[in-house]
Protein backbone atom coordinates (compact mmCIF):
# COMPACT_ATOMS: atom_id res chain seq x y z
CA MET A 1 -0.08 -0.20 -0.02
CA LYS A 2 1.22 3.07 -1.32
CA ASN A 3 1.65 6.25 1.26
CA TYR A 4 0.01 9.51 0.12
CA ASP A 5 0.97 11.86 3.24
CA LEU A 6 2.03 14.73 2.02
CA LYS A 7 3.38 15.68 4.81
CA LYS A 8 5.90 12.26 5.51
CA GLN A 9 7.28 12.69 2.20
CA GLY A 10 8.43 16.33 2.56
CA ILE A 11 6.23 17.76 0.31
CA PRO A 12 3.96 21.06 1.32
CA LYS A 13 0.14 20.87 1.62
CA PRO A 14 -1.47 23.21 -0.84
CA GLU A 15 -3.05 26.65 0.97
CA ILE A 16 -6.99 26.24 0.59
CA ASN A 17 -6.95 29.42 -1.78
CA GLU A 18 -4.93 27.23 -4.31
CA GLN A 19 -6.51 23.92 -4.23
CA LEU A 20 -10.04 26.41 -5.52
CA GLU A 21 -8.16 28.59 -7.45
CA LYS A 22 -9.99 28.83 -10.67
CA PRO A 23 -8.27 28.88 -14.28
CA LYS A 24 -7.31 32.70 -15.23
CA GLN A 25 -10.56 34.51 -17.69
CA LYS A 26 -9.02 35.18 -20.76
CA GLN A 27 -8.04 38.86 -21.21
CA LEU A 28 -10.67 41.20 -23.41
CA GLY A 29 -8.03 41.63 -25.85
CA LYS A 30 -5.11 39.83 -26.80
CA THR A 31 -2.60 43.23 -26.31
CA LYS A 32 -2.82 46.90 -25.07
CA ASN A 33 -2.77 47.99 -28.76
CA ASP A 34 -5.53 45.50 -29.11
CA LEU A 35 -7.40 47.07 -26.62
CA ARG A 36 -7.19 50.18 -27.88
CA ARG A 37 -8.15 49.95 -31.56
CA ARG A 38 -11.16 48.10 -30.23
CA ALA A 39 -11.91 51.17 -27.48
CA ARG A 40 -11.48 53.74 -30.60
CA LYS A 41 -14.10 51.40 -32.56
CA ILE A 42 -16.61 51.16 -29.34
CA ALA A 43 -16.05 54.59 -29.08
CA ASN A 44 -16.95 55.46 -32.92
CA ALA A 45 -19.77 53.76 -32.86
CA ILE A 46 -21.52 55.01 -29.68
CA ILE A 47 -20.66 58.51 -31.40
CA GLU A 48 -22.92 57.12 -34.47
CA GLY A 49 -25.39 56.69 -31.90
CA LYS A 50 -25.42 52.46 -32.07
CA SER A 51 -25.72 51.25 -28.43
CA GLU A 52 -22.92 49.77 -25.87
CA THR A 53 -23.70 46.42 -27.11
CA GLU A 54 -24.15 46.81 -30.68
CA ALA A 55 -20.57 48.96 -30.04
CA LEU A 56 -19.03 46.22 -28.78
CA LYS A 57 -20.00 43.68 -31.99
CA CYS A 58 -18.60 46.48 -33.94
CA ALA A 59 -15.49 45.82 -32.27
CA GLY A 60 -15.23 42.74 -32.97
CA TYR A 61 -16.97 40.95 -30.10
CA SER A 62 -19.11 37.88 -29.94
CA ALA A 63 -23.12 38.83 -29.34
CA SER A 64 -22.85 36.77 -26.61
CA TYR A 65 -19.40 37.43 -24.93
CA ALA A 66 -20.88 41.38 -25.63
CA LEU A 67 -24.26 40.66 -23.84
CA THR A 68 -22.69 39.05 -21.01
CA ARG A 69 -19.40 40.83 -20.49
CA LYS A 70 -20.34 43.88 -21.49
CA LYS A 71 -19.58 46.02 -18.03
CA GLU A 72 -16.55 44.18 -17.90
CA ILE A 73 -15.18 45.34 -21.18
CA LEU A 74 -16.36 48.37 -21.05
CA ASN A 75 -14.51 49.22 -17.44
CA ASN A 76 -11.18 47.81 -18.94
CA PRO A 77 -8.49 50.00 -17.15
CA HIS A 78 -7.16 50.16 -20.95
CA ILE A 79 -10.20 51.07 -22.81
CA THR A 80 -11.64 53.76 -20.03
CA LYS A 81 -8.06 55.55 -21.03
CA THR A 82 -8.21 55.39 -24.12
CA PHE A 83 -11.71 56.72 -23.99
CA ALA A 84 -10.70 59.30 -21.40
CA SER A 85 -7.61 60.42 -23.98
CA ILE A 86 -10.60 60.97 -27.16
CA LEU A 87 -12.83 62.82 -24.90
CA ASP A 88 -9.66 64.82 -24.20
CA ALA A 89 -8.51 65.43 -27.56
CA ALA A 90 -12.38 66.49 -28.25
CA GLY A 91 -11.69 69.47 -25.50
CA LEU A 92 -14.21 67.93 -23.37
CA THR A 93 -12.28 67.58 -19.97
CA ASP A 94 -13.29 66.59 -16.85
CA ASP A 95 -13.73 70.08 -16.16
CA TYR A 96 -15.65 70.89 -19.09
CA LEU A 97 -17.99 68.21 -18.49
CA ALA A 98 -18.76 68.93 -15.28
CA GLY A 99 -19.72 72.60 -15.67
CA ARG A 100 -21.69 71.73 -18.58
CA ILE A 101 -23.63 69.45 -16.27
CA LYS A 102 -24.26 71.92 -14.08
CA GLN A 103 -25.38 74.40 -16.48
CA LEU A 104 -28.09 71.82 -17.56
CA ALA A 105 -28.97 70.79 -13.77
CA GLU A 106 -30.05 74.45 -14.00
CA ALA A 107 -31.43 74.21 -17.04
CA LYS A 108 -34.68 76.70 -17.72
CA GLU A 109 -37.42 77.12 -20.34
CA THR A 110 -39.76 79.76 -21.37
CA LYS A 111 -43.14 78.52 -21.31
CA PHE A 112 -45.85 80.85 -24.03
CA PHE A 113 -49.49 81.71 -22.86
CA GLN A 114 -51.98 82.27 -25.49
CA GLU A 115 -55.29 83.51 -26.01
CA LYS A 116 -57.12 83.10 -29.28
CA GLY A 117 -54.17 81.90 -31.21
CA VAL A 118 -51.99 85.07 -30.16
CA VAL A 119 -49.38 84.87 -27.01
CA THR A 120 -50.08 87.08 -24.23
CA GLU A 121 -47.79 86.17 -21.73
CA THR A 122 -44.15 84.40 -21.32
CA ARG A 123 -42.38 82.75 -17.84
CA GLU A 124 -39.47 81.41 -17.92
CA VAL A 125 -39.28 78.34 -15.85
CA ASP A 126 -37.05 75.13 -14.64
CA ALA A 127 -36.97 72.75 -17.33
CA LEU A 128 -37.76 69.91 -14.51
CA GLY A 129 -36.85 67.17 -17.31
CA ILE A 130 -33.70 68.27 -18.04
CA GLN A 131 -32.87 69.05 -14.61
CA ALA A 132 -34.17 65.87 -13.43
CA ASP A 133 -31.89 63.80 -15.81
CA MET A 134 -29.21 65.64 -15.26
CA ILE A 135 -28.74 64.90 -11.80
CA GLN A 136 -29.34 61.26 -12.38
CA PHE A 137 -26.56 60.95 -14.82
CA GLY A 138 -23.89 63.13 -12.38
CA ALA A 139 -25.37 60.98 -9.47
CA LYS A 140 -24.48 57.61 -12.04
CA LEU A 141 -21.59 59.13 -12.68
CA ARG A 142 -20.34 59.51 -8.94
CA GLY A 143 -21.65 55.71 -8.83
CA ALA A 144 -24.49 56.81 -6.55
CA TYR A 145 -27.04 55.50 -8.85
CA PRO A 146 -27.69 51.87 -10.40
CA ALA A 147 -26.52 51.21 -13.36
CA GLU A 148 -28.12 51.25 -16.74
CA THR A 149 -28.66 47.71 -17.47
CA HIS A 150 -28.90 44.35 -15.67
CA ASN A 151 -28.63 41.15 -16.98
CA VAL A 152 -31.53 38.85 -15.67
CA ASN A 153 -32.43 34.88 -16.32
CA VAL A 154 -34.11 35.55 -19.51
CA ARG A 155 -32.50 36.35 -22.39
CA GLY A 156 -31.45 40.21 -23.00
CA SER A 157 -31.64 43.02 -20.95
CA ILE A 158 -33.91 45.71 -19.34
CA ASP A 159 -33.04 49.64 -19.52
CA LEU A 160 -33.53 51.01 -16.47
CA PHE A 161 -33.38 54.92 -18.29
CA GLU A 162 -35.60 54.10 -20.75
CA LYS A 163 -38.06 52.53 -18.53
CA ILE A 164 -37.95 55.11 -16.29
CA LYS A 165 -38.13 57.88 -19.26
CA GLU A 166 -41.77 55.73 -20.22
CA ALA A 167 -42.94 56.26 -16.44
CA ARG A 168 -42.28 59.97 -16.50
CA GLU A 169 -44.30 60.21 -19.71
CA ARG A 170 -46.93 58.13 -18.60
CA ALA A 171 -47.09 60.29 -15.48
CA LYS A 172 -47.01 63.26 -17.34
CA LYS A 173 -49.82 62.38 -19.29
CA ARG A 174 -52.16 61.25 -16.51
CA PRO A 175 -54.81 63.63 -15.15
CA LYS A 176 -54.73 65.51 -12.35
CA ASP A 177 -56.95 65.45 -9.09
């Protein structure tokens, strides 16, 4: 009968963490340059109006990988650094963006009141929809607001911002008591 006692054979027992360690996942891109190229493709696709998932597909990620790993891909340090450099090159620095968000969070709009087709009065009022969107956007950037989409155990995802926007529209259309 063979002796399998590792201690007697002078072989140290592996740590529990080493025993249970999973194999490392494939990297999201083969090299840093590949990630930079993909980041530029993603940024261009988003600028063209494509969704994040569509942009990831344009950058060469498979549909299933783009859906399941979207957050991980977009939060990759090489990708975020490339996005930041693109924004800086366009003059959209952190200070500029913060100023614009603040400006829009205080947005006003002009309301026109008319009688028999003739404008009788105008008033400048808070643009509540724009203000709410900018405050929500600012909170999201700070990490104080949940992510836009969440994967569910069904195929697809739920776009929370679209659902919130739809709920706001329904609330506006409801008759007031």
